[in-house]
């Protein structure tokens, strides 16, 4: 039996999942993003302004990173009184009015 018709996946405009190599690459990017989010929160907690600045130079969007309690790196730095880290984060556009899960700023 020969099949002369087209399958649904051959139809123009039909969406198919990305190839495995592309899926792997996307997963790696997501893992790197999660790792960098953890890193900026960690360095903010450790009062490491130089490391925070380096991460922000590489990816400024990390200034808006959030942890499991919806805290930003600025929340973390402020909680511990790390002025240099807080100044760095504000310089990179940290939202000073961002709220955590308890609505604290």
PDB file of N, CA and C in Angstrom:
ATOM      1  N   UNK A   1       0.831  -1.174   0.000  1.00  0.00           N
ATOM      2  CA  UNK A   1       0.000   0.000   0.000  1.00  0.00           C
ATOM      3  C   UNK A   1       0.871   1.229   0.000  1.00  0.00           C
ATOM      4  N   UNK A   2       0.703   2.018  -1.000  1.00  0.00           N
ATOM      5  CA  UNK A   2       1.465   3.257  -1.087  1.00  0.00           C
ATOM      6  C   UNK A   2       0.609   4.385  -0.568  1.00  0.00           C
ATOM      7  N   UNK A   3       1.223   5.277   0.123  1.00  0.00           N
ATOM      8  CA  UNK A   3       0.506   6.422   0.672  1.00  0.00           C
ATOM      9  C   UNK A   3       0.870   7.646  -0.139  1.00  0.00           C
ATOM     10  N   UNK A   4      -0.101   8.255  -0.777  1.00  0.00           N
ATOM     11  CA  UNK A   4       0.192   9.421  -1.592  1.00  0.00           C
ATOM     12  C   UNK A   4      -0.207  10.702  -0.907  1.00  0.00           C
ATOM     13  N   UNK A   5      -0.924  10.623   0.201  1.00  0.00           N
ATOM     14  CA  UNK A   5      -1.393  11.822   0.885  1.00  0.00           C
ATOM     15  C   UNK A   5      -0.334  12.380   1.806  1.00  0.00           C
ATOM     16  N   UNK A   6      -0.600  13.551   2.315  1.00  0.00           N
ATOM     17  CA  UNK A   6       0.346  14.158   3.261  1.00  0.00           C
ATOM     18  C   UNK A   6      -0.149  13.939   4.671  1.00  0.00           C
ATOM     19  N   UNK A   7       0.762  13.833   5.575  1.00  0.00           N
ATOM     20  CA  UNK A   7       0.395  13.673   6.978  1.00  0.00           C
ATOM     21  C   UNK A   7       0.100  15.040   7.566  1.00  0.00           C
ATOM     22  N   UNK A   8      -0.619  15.115   8.690  1.00  0.00           N
ATOM     23  CA  UNK A   8      -0.937  16.410   9.302  1.00  0.00           C
ATOM     24  C   UNK A   8       0.301  17.244   9.599  1.00  0.00           C
ATOM     25  N   UNK A   9       1.431  16.595   9.882  1.00  0.00           N
ATOM     26  CA  UNK A   9       2.634  17.368  10.204  1.00  0.00           C
ATOM     27  C   UNK A   9       3.257  17.994   8.967  1.00  0.00           C
ATOM     28  N   UNK A  10       2.835  17.535   7.767  1.00  0.00           N
ATOM     29  CA  UNK A  10       3.353  18.107   6.530  1.00  0.00           C
ATOM     30  C   UNK A  10       2.557  19.320   6.083  1.00  0.00           C
ATOM     31  N   UNK A  11       1.461  19.591   6.739  1.00  0.00           N
ATOM     32  CA  UNK A  11       0.612  20.697   6.330  1.00  0.00           C
ATOM     33  C   UNK A  11       1.286  22.023   6.615  1.00  0.00           C
ATOM     34  N   UNK A  12       1.218  22.938   5.645  1.00  0.00           N
ATOM     35  CA  UNK A  12       1.814  24.259   5.887  1.00  0.00           C
ATOM     36  C   UNK A  12       1.184  24.912   7.107  1.00  0.00           C
ATOM     37  N   UNK A  13       1.993  25.521   7.918  1.00  0.00           N
ATOM     38  CA  UNK A  13       1.506  26.212   9.115  1.00  0.00           C
ATOM     39  C   UNK A  13       1.354  25.310  10.323  1.00  0.00           C
ATOM     40  N   UNK A  14       1.472  24.000  10.129  1.00  0.00           N
ATOM     41  CA  UNK A  14       1.358  23.093  11.267  1.00  0.00           C
ATOM     42  C   UNK A  14       2.601  23.234  12.135  1.00  0.00           C
ATOM     43  N   UNK A  15       2.387  23.218  13.422  1.00  0.00           N
ATOM     44  CA  UNK A  15       3.497  23.399  14.361  1.00  0.00           C
ATOM     45  C   UNK A  15       3.986  22.041  14.842  1.00  0.00           C
ATOM     46  N   UNK A  16       5.277  21.833  14.788  1.00  0.00           N
ATOM     47  CA  UNK A  16       5.847  20.596  15.312  1.00  0.00           C
ATOM     48  C   UNK A  16       6.856  20.964  16.391  1.00  0.00           C
ATOM     49  N   UNK A  17       7.095  20.060  17.316  1.00  0.00           N
ATOM     50  CA  UNK A  17       8.055  20.375  18.386  1.00  0.00           C
ATOM     51  C   UNK A  17       9.444  20.600  17.807  1.00  0.00           C
ATOM     52  N   UNK A  18      10.234  21.422  18.483  1.00  0.00           N
ATOM     53  CA  UNK A  18      11.597  21.651  17.999  1.00  0.00           C
ATOM     54  C   UNK A  18      12.397  20.355  18.034  1.00  0.00           C
ATOM     55  N   UNK A  19      13.408  20.253  17.182  1.00  0.00           N
ATOM     56  CA  UNK A  19      14.240  19.046  17.190  1.00  0.00           C
ATOM     57  C   UNK A  19      14.937  18.871  18.538  1.00  0.00           C
ATOM     58  N   UNK A  20      15.320  17.641  18.876  1.00  0.00           N
ATOM     59  CA  UNK A  20      15.953  17.377  20.176  1.00  0.00           C
ATOM     60  C   UNK A  20      17.150  18.271  20.473  1.00  0.00           C
ATOM     61  N   UNK A  21      17.960  18.562  19.473  1.00  0.00           N
ATOM     62  CA  UNK A  21      19.130  19.425  19.707  1.00  0.00           C
ATOM     63  C   UNK A  21      18.687  20.815  20.151  1.00  0.00           C
ATOM     64  N   UNK A  22      17.628  21.323  19.539  1.00  0.00           N
ATOM     65  CA  UNK A  22      17.102  22.645  19.905  1.00  0.00           C
ATOM     66  C   UNK A  22      16.509  22.605  21.317  1.00  0.00           C
ATOM     67  N   UNK A  23      15.774  21.539  21.632  1.00  0.00           N
ATOM     68  CA  UNK A  23      15.200  21.393  22.971  1.00  0.00           C
ATOM     69  C   UNK A  23      16.302  21.369  24.021  1.00  0.00           C
ATOM     70  N   UNK A  24      17.380  20.642  23.746  1.00  0.00           N
ATOM     71  CA  UNK A  24      18.506  20.559  24.682  1.00  0.00           C
ATOM     72  C   UNK A  24      19.112  21.943  24.896  1.00  0.00           C
ATOM     73  N   UNK A  25      19.294  22.672  23.807  1.00  0.00           N
ATOM     74  CA  UNK A  25      19.883  24.010  23.887  1.00  0.00           C
ATOM     75  C   UNK A  25      18.993  24.941  24.725  1.00  0.00           C
ATOM     76  N   UNK A  26      17.673  24.849  24.531  1.00  0.00           N
ATOM     77  CA  UNK A  26      16.748  25.683  25.298  1.00  0.00           C
ATOM     78  C   UNK A  26      16.779  25.318  26.784  1.00  0.00           C
ATOM     79  N   UNK A  27      16.874  24.026  27.091  1.00  0.00           N
ATOM     80  CA  UNK A  27      16.971  23.592  28.489  1.00  0.00           C
ATOM     81  C   UNK A  27      18.253  24.111  29.132  1.00  0.00           C
ATOM     82  N   UNK A  28      19.353  24.065  28.379  1.00  0.00           N
ATOM     83  CA  UNK A  28      20.633  24.566  28.890  1.00  0.00           C
ATOM     84  C   UNK A  28      20.542  26.062  29.180  1.00  0.00           C
ATOM     85  N   UNK A  29      19.897  26.819  28.297  1.00  0.00           N
ATOM     86  CA  UNK A  29      19.747  28.257  28.505  1.00  0.00           C
ATOM     87  C   UNK A  29      18.923  28.530  29.765  1.00  0.00           C
ATOM     88  N   UNK A  30      17.861  27.740  29.959  1.00  0.00           N
ATOM     89  CA  UNK A  30      17.020  27.920  31.136  1.00  0.00           C
ATOM     90  C   UNK A  30      17.796  27.570  32.407  1.00  0.00           C
ATOM     91  N   UNK A  31      18.582  26.502  32.379  1.00  0.00           N
ATOM     92  CA  UNK A  31      19.405  26.135  33.535  1.00  0.00           C
ATOM     93  C   UNK A  31      20.408  27.236  33.852  1.00  0.00           C
ATOM     94  N   UNK A  32      21.021  27.794  32.821  1.00  0.00           N
ATOM     95  CA  UNK A  32      21.988  28.881  33.026  1.00  0.00           C
ATOM     96  C   UNK A  32      21.295  30.084  33.637  1.00  0.00           C
ATOM     97  N   UNK A  33      20.091  30.376  33.191  1.00  0.00           N
ATOM     98  CA  UNK A  33      19.333  31.515  33.714  1.00  0.00           C
ATOM     99  C   UNK A  33      19.016  31.293  35.197  1.00  0.00           C
ATOM    100  N   UNK A  34      18.580  30.108  35.536  1.00  0.00           N
ATOM    101  CA  UNK A  34      18.273  29.794  36.934  1.00  0.00           C
ATOM    102  C   UNK A  34      19.539  29.895  37.775  1.00  0.00           C
ATOM    103  N   UNK A  35      20.641  29.382  37.263  1.00  0.00           N
ATOM    104  CA  UNK A  35      21.903  29.444  37.996  1.00  0.00           C
ATOM    105  C   UNK A  35      22.336  30.884  38.224  1.00  0.00           C
ATOM    106  N   UNK A  36      22.195  31.730  37.200  1.00  0.00           N
ATOM    107  CA  UNK A  36      22.597  33.130  37.324  1.00  0.00           C
ATOM    108  C   UNK A  36      21.676  33.861  38.306  1.00  0.00           C
ATOM    109  N   UNK A  37      20.404  33.503  38.311  1.00  0.00           N
ATOM    110  CA  UNK A  37      19.475  34.093  39.273  1.00  0.00           C
ATOM    111  C   UNK A  37      19.912  33.736  40.688  1.00  0.00           C
ATOM    112  N   UNK A  38      20.232  32.478  40.899  1.00  0.00           N
ATOM    113  CA  UNK A  38      20.708  32.047  42.216  1.00  0.00           C
ATOM    114  C   UNK A  38      21.998  32.761  42.590  1.00  0.00           C
ATOM    115  N   UNK A  39      22.889  32.922  41.610  1.00  0.00           N
ATOM    116  CA  UNK A  39      24.170  33.573  41.876  1.00  0.00           C
ATOM    117  C   UNK A  39      24.004  35.016  42.325  1.00  0.00           C
ATOM    118  N   UNK A  40      23.175  35.786  41.637  1.00  0.00           N
ATOM    119  CA  UNK A  40      23.051  37.196  42.017  1.00  0.00           C
ATOM    120  C   UNK A  40      22.416  37.317  43.398  1.00  0.00           C
ATOM    121  N   UNK A  41      21.455  36.459  43.698  1.00  0.00           N
ATOM    122  CA  UNK A  41      20.850  36.485  45.034  1.00  0.00           C
ATOM    123  C   UNK A  41      21.879  36.070  46.091  1.00  0.00           C
ATOM    124  N   UNK A  42      22.697  35.080  45.782  1.00  0.00           N
ATOM    125  CA  UNK A  42      23.736  34.620  46.703  1.00  0.00           C
ATOM    126  C   UNK A  42      24.754  35.727  46.966  1.00  0.00           C
ATOM    127  N   UNK A  43      25.251  36.357  45.899  1.00  0.00           N
ATOM    128  CA  UNK A  43      26.262  37.401  46.060  1.00  0.00           C
ATOM    129  C   UNK A  43      25.688  38.628  46.770  1.00  0.00           C
ATOM    130  N   UNK A  44      24.417  38.922  46.548  1.00  0.00           N
ATOM    131  CA  UNK A  44      23.780  40.020  47.283  1.00  0.00           C
ATOM    132  C   UNK A  44      23.745  39.678  48.770  1.00  0.00           C
ATOM    133  N   UNK A  45      23.454  38.434  49.092  1.00  0.00           N
ATOM    134  CA  UNK A  45      23.413  37.979  50.486  1.00  0.00           C
ATOM    135  C   UNK A  45      24.802  38.011  51.124  1.00  0.00           C
ATOM    136  N   UNK A  46      25.840  37.730  50.329  1.00  0.00           N
ATOM    137  CA  UNK A  46      27.211  37.657  50.843  1.00  0.00           C
ATOM    138  C   UNK A  46      27.936  39.003  50.836  1.00  0.00           C
ATOM    139  N   UNK A  47      27.249  40.067  50.463  1.00  0.00           N
ATOM    140  CA  UNK A  47      27.838  41.416  50.410  1.00  0.00           C
ATOM    141  C   UNK A  47      29.003  41.487  49.425  1.00  0.00           C
ATOM    142  N   UNK A  48      28.861  40.829  48.292  1.00  0.00           N
ATOM    143  CA  UNK A  48      29.907  40.810  47.270  1.00  0.00           C
ATOM    144  C   UNK A  48      29.500  41.726  46.115  1.00  0.00           C
ATOM    145  N   UNK A  49      29.713  43.026  46.316  1.00  0.00           N
ATOM    146  CA  UNK A  49      29.305  44.024  45.327  1.00  0.00           C
ATOM    147  C   UNK A  49      30.016  43.826  43.991  1.00  0.00           C
ATOM    148  N   UNK A  50      31.270  43.419  44.009  1.00  0.00           N
ATOM    149  CA  UNK A  50      32.019  43.214  42.761  1.00  0.00           C
ATOM    150  C   UNK A  50      31.394  42.091  41.929  1.00  0.00           C
ATOM    151  N   UNK A  51      31.019  41.004  42.567  1.00  0.00           N
ATOM    152  CA  UNK A  51      30.400  39.885  41.852  1.00  0.00           C
ATOM    153  C   UNK A  51      29.015  40.269  41.339  1.00  0.00           C
ATOM    154  N   UNK A  52      28.260  41.017  42.139  1.00  0.00           N
ATOM    155  CA  UNK A  52      26.940  41.491  41.712  1.00  0.00           C
ATOM    156  C   UNK A  52      27.096  42.367  40.474  1.00  0.00           C
ATOM    157  N   UNK A  53      28.040  43.300  40.517  1.00  0.00           N
ATOM    158  CA  UNK A  53      28.275  44.200  39.382  1.00  0.00           C
ATOM    159  C   UNK A  53      28.669  43.407  38.130  1.00  0.00           C
ATOM    160  N   UNK A  54      29.544  42.419  38.287  1.00  0.00           N
ATOM    161  CA  UNK A  54      29.983  41.616  37.139  1.00  0.00           C
ATOM    162  C   UNK A  54      28.797  40.891  36.505  1.00  0.00           C
ATOM    163  N   UNK A  55      27.945  40.291  37.323  1.00  0.00           N
ATOM    164  CA  UNK A  55      26.765  39.608  36.794  1.00  0.00           C
ATOM    165  C   UNK A  55      25.844  40.578  36.066  1.00  0.00           C
ATOM    166  N   UNK A  56      25.663  41.769  36.631  1.00  0.00           N
ATOM    167  CA  UNK A  56      24.786  42.758  36.008  1.00  0.00           C
ATOM    168  C   UNK A  56      25.380  43.311  34.717  1.00  0.00           C
ATOM    169  N   UNK A  57      26.693  43.408  34.646  1.00  0.00           N
ATOM    170  CA  UNK A  57      27.336  43.841  33.399  1.00  0.00           C
ATOM    171  C   UNK A  57      27.078  42.824  32.287  1.00  0.00           C
ATOM    172  N   UNK A  58      27.022  41.555  32.654  1.00  0.00           N
ATOM    173  CA  UNK A  58      26.783  40.489  31.681  1.00  0.00           C
ATOM    174  C   UNK A  58      25.307  40.359  31.326  1.00  0.00           C
ATOM    175  N   UNK A  59      24.422  40.602  32.290  1.00  0.00           N
ATOM    176  CA  UNK A  59      22.979  40.451  32.061  1.00  0.00           C
ATOM    177  C   UNK A  59      22.223  41.377  33.009  1.00  0.00           C
ATOM    178  N   UNK A  60      21.894  42.568  32.521  1.00  0.00           N
ATOM    179  CA  UNK A  60      21.264  43.583  33.358  1.00  0.00           C
ATOM    180  C   UNK A  60      19.883  43.154  33.862  1.00  0.00           C
ATOM    181  N   UNK A  61      19.225  42.238  33.168  1.00  0.00           N
ATOM    182  CA  UNK A  61      17.893  41.802  33.600  1.00  0.00           C
ATOM    183  C   UNK A  61      17.937  41.070  34.943  1.00  0.00           C
ATOM    184  N   UNK A  62      19.121  40.619  35.365  1.00  0.00           N
ATOM    185  CA  UNK A  62      19.242  39.927  36.656  1.00  0.00           C
ATOM    186  C   UNK A  62      18.906  40.832  37.834  1.00  0.00           C
ATOM    187  N   UNK A  63      18.900  42.144  37.613  1.00  0.00           N
ATOM    188  CA  UNK A  63      18.549  43.069  38.686  1.00  0.00           C
ATOM    189  C   UNK A  63      17.107  42.814  39.148  1.00  0.00           C
ATOM    190  N   UNK A  64      16.308  42.185  38.275  1.00  0.00           N
ATOM    191  CA  UNK A  64      14.906  41.899  38.596  1.00  0.00           C
ATOM    192  C   UNK A  64      14.687  40.443  39.012  1.00  0.00           C
ATOM    193  N   UNK A  65      15.759  39.717  39.306  1.00  0.00           N
ATOM    194  CA  UNK A  65      15.653  38.311  39.713  1.00  0.00           C
ATOM    195  C   UNK A  65      14.787  38.206  40.968  1.00  0.00           C
ATOM    196  N   UNK A  66      14.140  37.060  41.125  1.00  0.00           N
ATOM    197  CA  UNK A  66      13.290  36.809  42.300  1.00  0.00           C
ATOM    198  C   UNK A  66      13.605  35.438  42.876  1.00  0.00           C
ATOM    199  N   UNK A  67      13.501  35.327  44.203  1.00  0.00           N
ATOM    200  CA  UNK A  67      13.678  34.020  44.841  1.00  0.00           C
ATOM    201  C   UNK A  67      12.308  33.416  45.137  1.00  0.00           C
ATOM    202  N   UNK A  68      12.281  32.310  45.867  1.00  0.00           N
ATOM    203  CA  UNK A  68      11.043  31.594  46.167  1.00  0.00           C
ATOM    204  C   UNK A  68      10.066  32.410  47.010  1.00  0.00           C
ATOM    205  N   UNK A  69      10.552  33.434  47.704  1.00  0.00           N
ATOM    206  CA  UNK A  69       9.679  34.325  48.467  1.00  0.00           C
ATOM    207  C   UNK A  69       9.431  35.631  47.719  1.00  0.00           C
ATOM    208  N   UNK A  70       9.758  35.638  46.435  1.00  0.00           N
ATOM    209  CA  UNK A  70       9.564  36.790  45.559  1.00  0.00           C
ATOM    210  C   UNK A  70      10.448  37.978  45.942  1.00  0.00           C
ATOM    211  N   UNK A  71      11.537  37.692  46.654  1.00  0.00           N
ATOM    212  CA  UNK A  71      12.485  38.751  47.023  1.00  0.00           C
ATOM    213  C   UNK A  71      13.469  38.987  45.889  1.00  0.00           C
ATOM    214  N   UNK A  72      13.839  40.246  45.725  1.00  0.00           N
ATOM    215  CA  UNK A  72      14.831  40.632  44.726  1.00  0.00           C
ATOM    216  C   UNK A  72      16.206  40.696  45.390  1.00  0.00           C
ATOM    217  N   UNK A  73      17.262  40.813  44.595  1.00  0.00           N
ATOM    218  CA  UNK A  73      18.584  41.014  45.192  1.00  0.00           C
ATOM    219  C   UNK A  73      18.619  42.265  46.083  1.00  0.00           C
ATOM    220  N   UNK A  74      17.854  43.292  45.720  1.00  0.00           N
ATOM    221  CA  UNK A  74      17.811  44.501  46.548  1.00  0.00           C
ATOM    222  C   UNK A  74      17.163  44.220  47.900  1.00  0.00           C
ATOM    223  N   UNK A  75      16.114  43.410  47.928  1.00  0.00           N
ATOM    224  CA  UNK A  75      15.527  43.006  49.213  1.00  0.00           C
ATOM    225  C   UNK A  75      16.589  42.340  50.086  1.00  0.00           C
ATOM    226  N   UNK A  76      17.321  41.416  49.476  1.00  0.00           N
ATOM    227  CA  UNK A  76      18.330  40.646  50.215  1.00  0.00           C
ATOM    228  C   UNK A  76      19.419  41.565  50.759  1.00  0.00           C
ATOM    229  N   UNK A  77      19.943  42.440  49.905  1.00  0.00           N
ATOM    230  CA  UNK A  77      21.005  43.360  50.337  1.00  0.00           C
ATOM    231  C   UNK A  77      20.495  44.295  51.436  1.00  0.00           C
ATOM    232  N   UNK A  78      19.289  44.804  51.274  1.00  0.00           N
ATOM    233  CA  UNK A  78      18.725  45.736  52.256  1.00  0.00           C
ATOM    234  C   UNK A  78      18.490  45.064  53.601  1.00  0.00           C
ATOM    235  N   UNK A  79      18.005  43.837  53.548  1.00  0.00           N
ATOM    236  CA  UNK A  79      17.747  43.078  54.775  1.00  0.00           C
ATOM    237  C   UNK A  79      19.001  42.962  55.638  1.00  0.00           C
ATOM    238  N   UNK A  80      20.150  42.825  54.987  1.00  0.00           N
ATOM    239  CA  UNK A  80      21.416  42.663  55.704  1.00  0.00           C
ATOM    240  C   UNK A  80      22.190  43.966  55.879  1.00  0.00           C
ATOM    241  N   UNK A  81      21.678  45.049  55.311  1.00  0.00           N
ATOM    242  CA  UNK A  81      22.344  46.341  55.452  1.00  0.00           C
ATOM    243  C   UNK A  81      23.557  46.517  54.558  1.00  0.00           C
ATOM    244  N   UNK A  82      23.607  45.798  53.441  1.00  0.00           N
ATOM    245  CA  UNK A  82      24.750  45.883  52.532  1.00  0.00           C
ATOM    246  C   UNK A  82      24.579  47.077  51.589  1.00  0.00           C
ATOM    247  N   UNK A  83      25.064  48.231  52.016  1.00  0.00           N
ATOM    248  CA  UNK A  83      24.881  49.494  51.303  1.00  0.00           C
ATOM    249  C   UNK A  83      25.517  49.466  49.911  1.00  0.00           C
ATOM    250  N   UNK A  84      26.751  48.991  49.787  1.00  0.00           N
ATOM    251  CA  UNK A  84      27.429  48.988  48.483  1.00  0.00           C
ATOM    252  C   UNK A  84      26.700  48.107  47.468  1.00  0.00           C
ATOM    253  N   UNK A  85      26.225  46.967  47.911  1.00  0.00           N
ATOM    254  CA  UNK A  85      25.472  46.084  47.014  1.00  0.00           C
ATOM    255  C   UNK A  85      24.162  46.763  46.619  1.00  0.00           C
ATOM    256  N   UNK A  86      23.473  47.359  47.582  1.00  0.00           N
ATOM    257  CA  UNK A  86      22.208  48.047  47.297  1.00  0.00           C
ATOM    258  C   UNK A  86      22.417  49.186  46.302  1.00  0.00           C
ATOM    259  N   UNK A  87      23.468  49.977  46.491  1.00  0.00           N
ATOM    260  CA  UNK A  87      23.760  51.081  45.564  1.00  0.00           C
ATOM    261  C   UNK A  87      24.000  50.557  44.154  1.00  0.00           C
ATOM    262  N   UNK A  88      24.749  49.481  44.046  1.00  0.00           N
ATOM    263  CA  UNK A  88      25.035  48.878  42.744  1.00  0.00           C
ATOM    264  C   UNK A  88      23.732  48.434  42.071  1.00  0.00           C
ATOM    265  N   UNK A  89      22.879  47.756  42.811  1.00  0.00           N
ATOM    266  CA  UNK A  89      21.615  47.271  42.262  1.00  0.00           C
ATOM    267  C   UNK A  89      20.723  48.428  41.814  1.00  0.00           C
ATOM    268  N   UNK A  90      20.673  49.489  42.616  1.00  0.00           N
ATOM    269  CA  UNK A  90      19.873  50.664  42.253  1.00  0.00           C
ATOM    270  C   UNK A  90      20.446  51.324  41.002  1.00  0.00           C
ATOM    271  N   UNK A  91      21.756  51.382  40.930  1.00  0.00           N
ATOM    272  CA  UNK A  91      22.426  51.940  39.745  1.00  0.00           C
ATOM    273  C   UNK A  91      22.019  51.187  38.473  1.00  0.00           C
ATOM    274  N   UNK A  92      21.783  49.889  38.592  1.00  0.00           N
ATOM    275  CA  UNK A  92      21.389  49.067  37.446  1.00  0.00           C
ATOM    276  C   UNK A  92      19.870  48.976  37.282  1.00  0.00           C
ATOM    277  N   UNK A  93      19.135  49.783  38.019  1.00  0.00           N
ATOM    278  CA  UNK A  93      17.693  49.870  37.801  1.00  0.00           C
ATOM    279  C   UNK A  93      16.821  49.016  38.685  1.00  0.00           C
ATOM    280  N   UNK A  94      17.328  48.583  39.832  1.00  0.00           N
ATOM    281  CA  UNK A  94      16.500  47.793  40.748  1.00  0.00           C
ATOM    282  C   UNK A  94      15.273  48.601  41.159  1.00  0.00           C
ATOM    283  N   UNK A  95      14.144  47.940  41.244  1.00  0.00           N
ATOM    284  CA  UNK A  95      12.891  48.578  41.642  1.00  0.00           C
ATOM    285  C   UNK A  95      12.862  48.696  43.164  1.00  0.00           C
ATOM    286  N   UNK A  96      12.978  49.925  43.657  1.00  0.00           N
ATOM    287  CA  UNK A  96      13.002  50.136  45.109  1.00  0.00           C
ATOM    288  C   UNK A  96      11.623  49.918  45.733  1.00  0.00           C
ATOM    289  N   UNK A  97      10.591  49.798  44.910  1.00  0.00           N
ATOM    290  CA  UNK A  97       9.238  49.556  45.414  1.00  0.00           C
ATOM    291  C   UNK A  97       8.770  48.122  45.174  1.00  0.00           C
ATOM    292  N   UNK A  98       9.662  47.245  44.743  1.00  0.00           N
ATOM    293  CA  UNK A  98       9.295  45.843  44.509  1.00  0.00           C
ATOM    294  C   UNK A  98       8.831  45.221  45.820  1.00  0.00           C
ATOM    295  N   UNK A  99       7.781  44.397  45.735  1.00  0.00           N
ATOM    296  CA  UNK A  99       7.232  43.756  46.929  1.00  0.00           C
ATOM    297  C   UNK A  99       7.538  42.264  46.920  1.00  0.00           C
ATOM    298  N   UNK A 100       7.824  41.735  48.110  1.00  0.00           N
ATOM    299  CA  UNK A 100       8.016  40.290  48.230  1.00  0.00           C
ATOM    300  C   UNK A 100       6.650  39.635  48.453  1.00  0.00           C
ATOM    301  N   UNK A 101       6.627  38.359  48.770  1.00  0.00           N
ATOM    302  CA  UNK A 101       5.343  37.654  48.898  1.00  0.00           C
ATOM    303  C   UNK A 101       4.486  38.155  50.056  1.00  0.00           C
ATOM    304  N   UNK A 102       5.093  38.872  50.991  1.00  0.00           N
ATOM    305  CA  UNK A 102       4.342  39.428  52.116  1.00  0.00           C
ATOM    306  C   UNK A 102       4.037  40.908  51.914  1.00  0.00           C
ATOM    307  N   UNK A 103       4.283  41.402  50.703  1.00  0.00           N
ATOM    308  CA  UNK A 103       4.035  42.804  50.327  1.00  0.00           C
ATOM    309  C   UNK A 103       5.006  43.769  50.986  1.00  0.00           C
ATOM    310  N   UNK A 104       6.141  43.263  51.470  1.00  0.00           N
ATOM    311  CA  UNK A 104       7.185  44.138  52.015  1.00  0.00           C
ATOM    312  C   UNK A 104       8.028  44.684  50.875  1.00  0.00           C
ATOM    313  N   UNK A 105       8.509  45.924  51.055  1.00  0.00           N
ATOM    314  CA  UNK A 105       9.382  46.529  50.043  1.00  0.00           C
ATOM    315  C   UNK A 105      10.789  46.614  50.582  1.00  0.00           C
TER     316      UNK A 105
END
